[in-house]
C-alpha cells in the first residue's frame, strides 16, 4: 500500500452517484453530495494561525480565525470590523484556534 489518502476527496474514495435535489432561486437543481466542502476551512484556520502567530498557545475563545469566506458577515453585517469566524463546524478547528497546538494536545491527552 502506498500513496496518500485524502479523506475529503470523496469522488475518488466512494463509488456511485450521490446527489440531492433542492430548489435554489425557484429552480430545481441537483447537488453532488460527494464534493469537498471542508478543506478550505482547514486552510483558513492554519493560515490564520500562522499569520497571527497563535500556533502554539492559541488565540482565545473571544476571537476566531481570520476568514475570507465568512468574515465579511461578521465585519460588516454585525459591525465588528473583524473579518473573523468565531466558530467552525469542524470542532477540532475551534479547539486549535482557541487553545493552539500546545494546549490543544494537552487537553486531548487528558481525555484520552
N, C-alpha and C. Protein backbone atom coordinates (compact mmCIF):
# COMPACT_ATOMS: atom_id res chain seq x y z
N UNK A 1 0.83 -1.16 0.00
CA UNK A 1 0.00 0.00 0.00
C UNK A 1 0.89 1.25 0.00
N UNK A 2 0.62 2.16 -0.91
CA UNK A 2 1.39 3.40 -0.94
C UNK A 2 0.51 4.54 -1.44
N UNK A 3 1.04 5.73 -1.43
CA UNK A 3 0.26 6.88 -1.86
C UNK A 3 -0.33 7.61 -0.67
N UNK A 4 -1.24 8.52 -0.95
CA UNK A 4 -1.88 9.30 0.10
C UNK A 4 -3.38 9.13 0.03
N UNK A 5 -4.01 9.28 1.16
CA UNK A 5 -5.46 9.18 1.24
C UNK A 5 -5.99 10.52 1.71
N UNK A 6 -6.79 11.16 0.88
CA UNK A 6 -7.41 12.43 1.24
C UNK A 6 -8.85 12.15 1.63
N UNK A 7 -9.14 12.27 2.91
CA UNK A 7 -10.48 11.93 3.40
C UNK A 7 -11.55 12.83 2.80
N UNK A 8 -11.18 14.02 2.36
CA UNK A 8 -12.15 14.96 1.80
C UNK A 8 -12.42 14.73 0.32
N UNK A 9 -11.60 13.92 -0.35
CA UNK A 9 -11.77 13.66 -1.77
C UNK A 9 -12.68 12.45 -1.96
N UNK A 10 -13.96 12.65 -1.77
CA UNK A 10 -14.91 11.56 -1.83
C UNK A 10 -15.14 11.04 -3.24
N UNK A 11 -14.87 11.85 -4.24
CA UNK A 11 -15.03 11.41 -5.64
C UNK A 11 -14.17 10.18 -5.92
N UNK A 12 -12.96 10.15 -5.37
CA UNK A 12 -12.05 9.02 -5.58
C UNK A 12 -12.32 7.87 -4.62
N UNK A 13 -12.83 8.16 -3.45
CA UNK A 13 -12.94 7.16 -2.39
C UNK A 13 -14.27 6.42 -2.36
N UNK A 14 -15.31 6.98 -2.93
CA UNK A 14 -16.63 6.36 -2.90
C UNK A 14 -17.15 6.22 -4.32
N UNK A 15 -17.51 5.01 -4.66
CA UNK A 15 -18.06 4.79 -6.00
C UNK A 15 -19.57 5.02 -5.98
N UNK A 16 -20.11 5.33 -7.13
CA UNK A 16 -21.54 5.57 -7.22
C UNK A 16 -21.85 7.06 -7.28
N UNK A 17 -23.11 7.33 -7.54
CA UNK A 17 -23.57 8.71 -7.64
C UNK A 17 -24.44 9.03 -6.44
N UNK A 18 -24.07 10.09 -5.75
CA UNK A 18 -24.83 10.55 -4.59
C UNK A 18 -25.22 12.00 -4.83
N UNK A 19 -26.49 12.23 -5.08
CA UNK A 19 -26.96 13.58 -5.34
C UNK A 19 -28.23 13.85 -4.54
N UNK A 20 -28.54 15.11 -4.46
CA UNK A 20 -29.75 15.54 -3.79
C UNK A 20 -30.37 16.66 -4.60
N UNK A 21 -31.67 16.67 -4.67
CA UNK A 21 -32.34 17.74 -5.39
C UNK A 21 -32.77 18.81 -4.39
N UNK A 22 -32.55 20.06 -4.79
CA UNK A 22 -33.01 21.16 -3.94
C UNK A 22 -33.47 22.30 -4.84
N UNK A 23 -34.18 23.21 -4.25
CA UNK A 23 -34.70 24.35 -5.01
C UNK A 23 -33.88 25.57 -4.64
N UNK A 24 -33.29 26.19 -5.66
CA UNK A 24 -32.48 27.38 -5.46
C UNK A 24 -32.95 28.45 -6.43
N UNK A 25 -33.35 29.57 -5.89
CA UNK A 25 -33.85 30.70 -6.68
C UNK A 25 -35.01 30.26 -7.59
N UNK A 26 -35.88 29.41 -7.06
CA UNK A 26 -37.06 28.97 -7.79
C UNK A 26 -36.82 27.88 -8.81
N UNK A 27 -35.61 27.39 -8.91
CA UNK A 27 -35.29 26.33 -9.89
C UNK A 27 -34.83 25.09 -9.15
N UNK A 28 -35.24 23.94 -9.66
CA UNK A 28 -34.82 22.67 -9.09
C UNK A 28 -33.44 22.33 -9.64
N UNK A 29 -32.49 22.14 -8.73
CA UNK A 29 -31.13 21.78 -9.14
C UNK A 29 -30.71 20.49 -8.44
N UNK A 30 -29.76 19.81 -9.04
CA UNK A 30 -29.22 18.58 -8.46
C UNK A 30 -27.84 18.90 -7.88
N UNK A 31 -27.66 18.55 -6.62
CA UNK A 31 -26.41 18.86 -5.92
C UNK A 31 -25.62 17.58 -5.67
N UNK A 32 -24.33 17.59 -6.00
CA UNK A 32 -23.44 16.46 -5.78
C UNK A 32 -23.07 16.41 -4.30
N UNK A 33 -23.38 15.32 -3.63
CA UNK A 33 -23.12 15.19 -2.20
C UNK A 33 -21.69 14.74 -1.89
N UNK A 34 -20.90 14.45 -2.92
CA UNK A 34 -19.53 13.99 -2.71
C UNK A 34 -18.50 15.12 -2.89
N UNK A 35 -18.94 16.36 -3.05
CA UNK A 35 -17.98 17.44 -3.24
C UNK A 35 -17.30 17.79 -1.92
N UNK A 36 -16.10 18.31 -2.01
CA UNK A 36 -15.32 18.69 -0.83
C UNK A 36 -15.80 20.04 -0.32
N UNK A 37 -16.34 20.06 0.88
CA UNK A 37 -16.84 21.31 1.47
C UNK A 37 -16.10 21.71 2.73
N UNK A 38 -14.99 21.04 3.06
CA UNK A 38 -14.31 21.33 4.32
C UNK A 38 -12.84 21.72 4.19
N UNK A 39 -12.17 21.37 3.11
CA UNK A 39 -10.74 21.64 3.00
C UNK A 39 -10.44 23.12 3.19
N UNK A 40 -11.26 23.99 2.62
CA UNK A 40 -11.00 25.43 2.75
C UNK A 40 -11.05 25.89 4.20
N UNK A 41 -11.83 25.23 5.06
CA UNK A 41 -11.88 25.60 6.47
C UNK A 41 -10.53 25.34 7.14
N UNK A 42 -9.94 24.17 6.86
CA UNK A 42 -8.63 23.84 7.41
C UNK A 42 -7.59 24.84 6.92
N UNK A 43 -7.64 25.18 5.63
CA UNK A 43 -6.69 26.14 5.07
C UNK A 43 -6.82 27.51 5.74
N UNK A 44 -8.05 27.96 5.96
CA UNK A 44 -8.26 29.26 6.61
C UNK A 44 -7.73 29.28 8.03
N UNK A 45 -8.00 28.24 8.78
CA UNK A 45 -7.59 28.18 10.19
C UNK A 45 -6.07 28.14 10.30
N UNK A 46 -5.42 27.30 9.51
CA UNK A 46 -3.96 27.19 9.58
C UNK A 46 -3.29 28.47 9.11
N UNK A 47 -3.77 29.06 8.02
CA UNK A 47 -3.15 30.30 7.54
C UNK A 47 -3.37 31.44 8.53
N UNK A 48 -4.52 31.48 9.19
CA UNK A 48 -4.79 32.50 10.20
C UNK A 48 -3.85 32.32 11.40
N UNK A 49 -3.63 31.08 11.81
CA UNK A 49 -2.74 30.81 12.94
C UNK A 49 -1.30 31.22 12.61
N UNK A 50 -0.87 30.94 11.40
CA UNK A 50 0.49 31.32 11.02
C UNK A 50 0.62 32.84 10.89
N UNK A 51 -0.37 33.47 10.30
CA UNK A 51 -0.34 34.93 10.10
C UNK A 51 -0.34 35.68 11.43
N UNK A 52 -1.15 35.23 12.38
CA UNK A 52 -1.31 35.92 13.66
C UNK A 52 -0.49 35.33 14.79
N UNK A 53 0.34 34.35 14.47
CA UNK A 53 1.29 33.75 15.42
C UNK A 53 0.62 33.19 16.67
N UNK A 54 -0.39 32.32 16.47
CA UNK A 54 -1.00 31.66 17.63
C UNK A 54 -1.03 30.15 17.46
N UNK A 55 -0.05 29.61 16.76
CA UNK A 55 0.00 28.17 16.52
C UNK A 55 0.21 27.40 17.82
N UNK A 56 1.10 27.86 18.65
CA UNK A 56 1.46 27.10 19.85
C UNK A 56 0.47 27.25 21.00
N UNK A 57 0.05 28.47 21.32
CA UNK A 57 -0.78 28.68 22.50
C UNK A 57 -2.19 29.17 22.20
N UNK A 58 -2.56 29.29 20.95
CA UNK A 58 -3.92 29.65 20.60
C UNK A 58 -4.19 31.14 20.66
N UNK A 59 -5.37 31.49 20.25
CA UNK A 59 -5.76 32.90 20.18
C UNK A 59 -6.54 33.30 21.42
N UNK A 60 -7.69 32.76 21.61
CA UNK A 60 -8.57 32.93 22.77
C UNK A 60 -9.98 32.62 22.29
N UNK A 61 -10.85 32.11 23.14
CA UNK A 61 -12.23 31.87 22.71
C UNK A 61 -12.98 33.15 22.34
N UNK A 62 -12.46 34.30 22.74
CA UNK A 62 -13.11 35.56 22.40
C UNK A 62 -12.85 35.98 20.95
N UNK A 63 -11.88 35.34 20.30
CA UNK A 63 -11.54 35.67 18.92
C UNK A 63 -11.68 34.42 18.07
N UNK A 64 -11.84 34.62 16.79
CA UNK A 64 -11.94 33.50 15.87
C UNK A 64 -10.78 33.50 14.90
N UNK A 65 -10.87 32.65 13.91
CA UNK A 65 -9.85 32.63 12.88
C UNK A 65 -10.21 33.62 11.77
N UNK A 66 -9.19 34.20 11.14
CA UNK A 66 -9.43 35.08 10.01
C UNK A 66 -10.14 34.28 8.92
N UNK A 67 -11.15 34.87 8.31
CA UNK A 67 -11.93 34.13 7.32
C UNK A 67 -12.25 34.99 6.10
N UNK A 68 -11.76 34.56 4.97
CA UNK A 68 -12.07 35.22 3.71
C UNK A 68 -13.51 34.94 3.30
N UNK A 69 -13.97 33.72 3.55
CA UNK A 69 -15.30 33.30 3.10
C UNK A 69 -16.44 33.79 3.99
N UNK A 70 -16.23 33.82 5.30
CA UNK A 70 -17.30 34.16 6.23
C UNK A 70 -17.06 35.47 6.99
N UNK A 71 -15.87 36.03 6.90
CA UNK A 71 -15.52 37.22 7.66
C UNK A 71 -16.30 38.46 7.29
N UNK A 72 -16.73 38.55 6.06
CA UNK A 72 -17.49 39.71 5.61
C UNK A 72 -18.77 39.89 6.43
N UNK A 73 -19.42 38.79 6.75
CA UNK A 73 -20.66 38.87 7.55
C UNK A 73 -20.39 39.45 8.93
N UNK A 74 -19.38 38.93 9.62
CA UNK A 74 -19.12 39.41 10.98
C UNK A 74 -18.57 40.83 10.98
N UNK A 75 -17.78 41.17 9.98
CA UNK A 75 -17.18 42.51 9.94
C UNK A 75 -18.19 43.58 9.59
N UNK A 76 -19.00 43.33 8.59
CA UNK A 76 -19.87 44.38 8.08
C UNK A 76 -21.31 44.24 8.56
N UNK A 77 -21.86 43.05 8.50
CA UNK A 77 -23.26 42.86 8.92
C UNK A 77 -23.43 42.99 10.43
N UNK A 78 -22.50 42.42 11.18
CA UNK A 78 -22.58 42.50 12.64
C UNK A 78 -21.85 43.71 13.20
N UNK A 79 -21.07 44.38 12.37
CA UNK A 79 -20.38 45.60 12.78
C UNK A 79 -19.17 45.40 13.65
N UNK A 80 -18.54 44.24 13.61
CA UNK A 80 -17.36 44.01 14.46
C UNK A 80 -16.09 44.59 13.87
N UNK A 81 -16.07 44.82 12.58
CA UNK A 81 -14.90 45.31 11.83
C UNK A 81 -13.74 44.31 11.87
N UNK A 82 -14.05 43.07 12.20
CA UNK A 82 -13.05 42.00 12.19
C UNK A 82 -13.53 40.93 11.23
N UNK A 83 -12.70 40.59 10.29
CA UNK A 83 -13.05 39.56 9.31
C UNK A 83 -12.67 38.19 9.87
N UNK A 84 -13.41 37.78 10.90
CA UNK A 84 -13.14 36.54 11.60
C UNK A 84 -14.38 35.66 11.64
N UNK A 85 -14.14 34.39 11.81
CA UNK A 85 -15.21 33.43 12.04
C UNK A 85 -15.01 32.87 13.44
N UNK A 86 -15.99 33.05 14.28
CA UNK A 86 -15.80 32.72 15.70
C UNK A 86 -15.88 31.23 15.99
N UNK A 87 -16.54 30.46 15.16
CA UNK A 87 -16.55 29.01 15.34
C UNK A 87 -16.78 28.35 13.98
N UNK A 88 -16.34 27.10 13.89
CA UNK A 88 -16.46 26.31 12.67
C UNK A 88 -17.25 25.05 12.94
N UNK A 89 -17.75 24.43 11.87
CA UNK A 89 -18.47 23.17 12.01
C UNK A 89 -17.56 22.06 12.49
N UNK A 90 -16.29 22.13 12.12
CA UNK A 90 -15.31 21.12 12.50
C UNK A 90 -14.74 21.51 13.87
N UNK A 91 -15.17 20.83 14.90
CA UNK A 91 -14.85 21.23 16.28
C UNK A 91 -13.36 21.28 16.58
N UNK A 92 -12.58 20.39 15.99
CA UNK A 92 -11.15 20.39 16.27
C UNK A 92 -10.50 21.68 15.81
N UNK A 93 -11.06 22.33 14.79
CA UNK A 93 -10.53 23.62 14.34
C UNK A 93 -10.78 24.70 15.38
N UNK A 94 -11.92 24.64 16.06
CA UNK A 94 -12.19 25.59 17.13
C UNK A 94 -11.22 25.39 18.29
N UNK A 95 -11.00 24.15 18.66
CA UNK A 95 -10.07 23.85 19.75
C UNK A 95 -8.68 24.34 19.41
N UNK A 96 -8.24 24.11 18.16
CA UNK A 96 -6.92 24.59 17.75
C UNK A 96 -6.84 26.11 17.77
N UNK A 97 -7.87 26.79 17.25
CA UNK A 97 -7.86 28.25 17.23
C UNK A 97 -7.83 28.82 18.63
N UNK A 98 -8.61 28.28 19.52
CA UNK A 98 -8.73 28.83 20.87
C UNK A 98 -7.58 28.44 21.79
N UNK A 99 -7.03 27.23 21.61
CA UNK A 99 -6.02 26.75 22.56
C UNK A 99 -4.64 26.54 21.94
N UNK A 100 -4.55 26.50 20.61
CA UNK A 100 -3.28 26.26 19.96
C UNK A 100 -2.88 24.80 20.00
N UNK A 101 -1.75 24.53 19.42
CA UNK A 101 -1.27 23.15 19.34
C UNK A 101 -0.82 22.64 20.71
N UNK A 102 -0.15 23.47 21.46
CA UNK A 102 0.37 23.06 22.77
C UNK A 102 -0.73 22.73 23.75
N UNK A 103 -1.61 23.67 24.02
CA UNK A 103 -2.71 23.44 24.96
C UNK A 103 -3.70 22.44 24.40
N UNK A 104 -3.92 22.46 23.11
CA UNK A 104 -4.87 21.52 22.49
C UNK A 104 -4.45 20.08 22.67
N UNK A 105 -3.15 19.81 22.48
CA UNK A 105 -2.65 18.44 22.70
C UNK A 105 -2.77 18.04 24.16
N UNK A 106 -2.50 18.98 25.06
CA UNK A 106 -2.64 18.69 26.49
C UNK A 106 -4.07 18.31 26.84
N UNK A 107 -5.01 19.06 26.34
CA UNK A 107 -6.43 18.76 26.59
C UNK A 107 -6.81 17.42 26.00
N UNK A 108 -6.35 17.15 24.79
CA UNK A 108 -6.65 15.89 24.12
C UNK A 108 -6.15 14.69 24.93
N UNK A 109 -4.91 14.77 25.39
CA UNK A 109 -4.34 13.64 26.11
C UNK A 109 -4.92 13.48 27.52
N UNK A 110 -5.46 14.54 28.09
CA UNK A 110 -6.13 14.42 29.38
C UNK A 110 -7.37 13.56 29.28
N UNK A 111 -8.07 13.64 28.15
CA UNK A 111 -9.32 12.91 27.98
C UNK A 111 -9.15 11.62 27.20
N UNK A 112 -7.94 11.28 26.84
CA UNK A 112 -7.69 10.06 26.06
C UNK A 112 -7.77 8.83 26.90
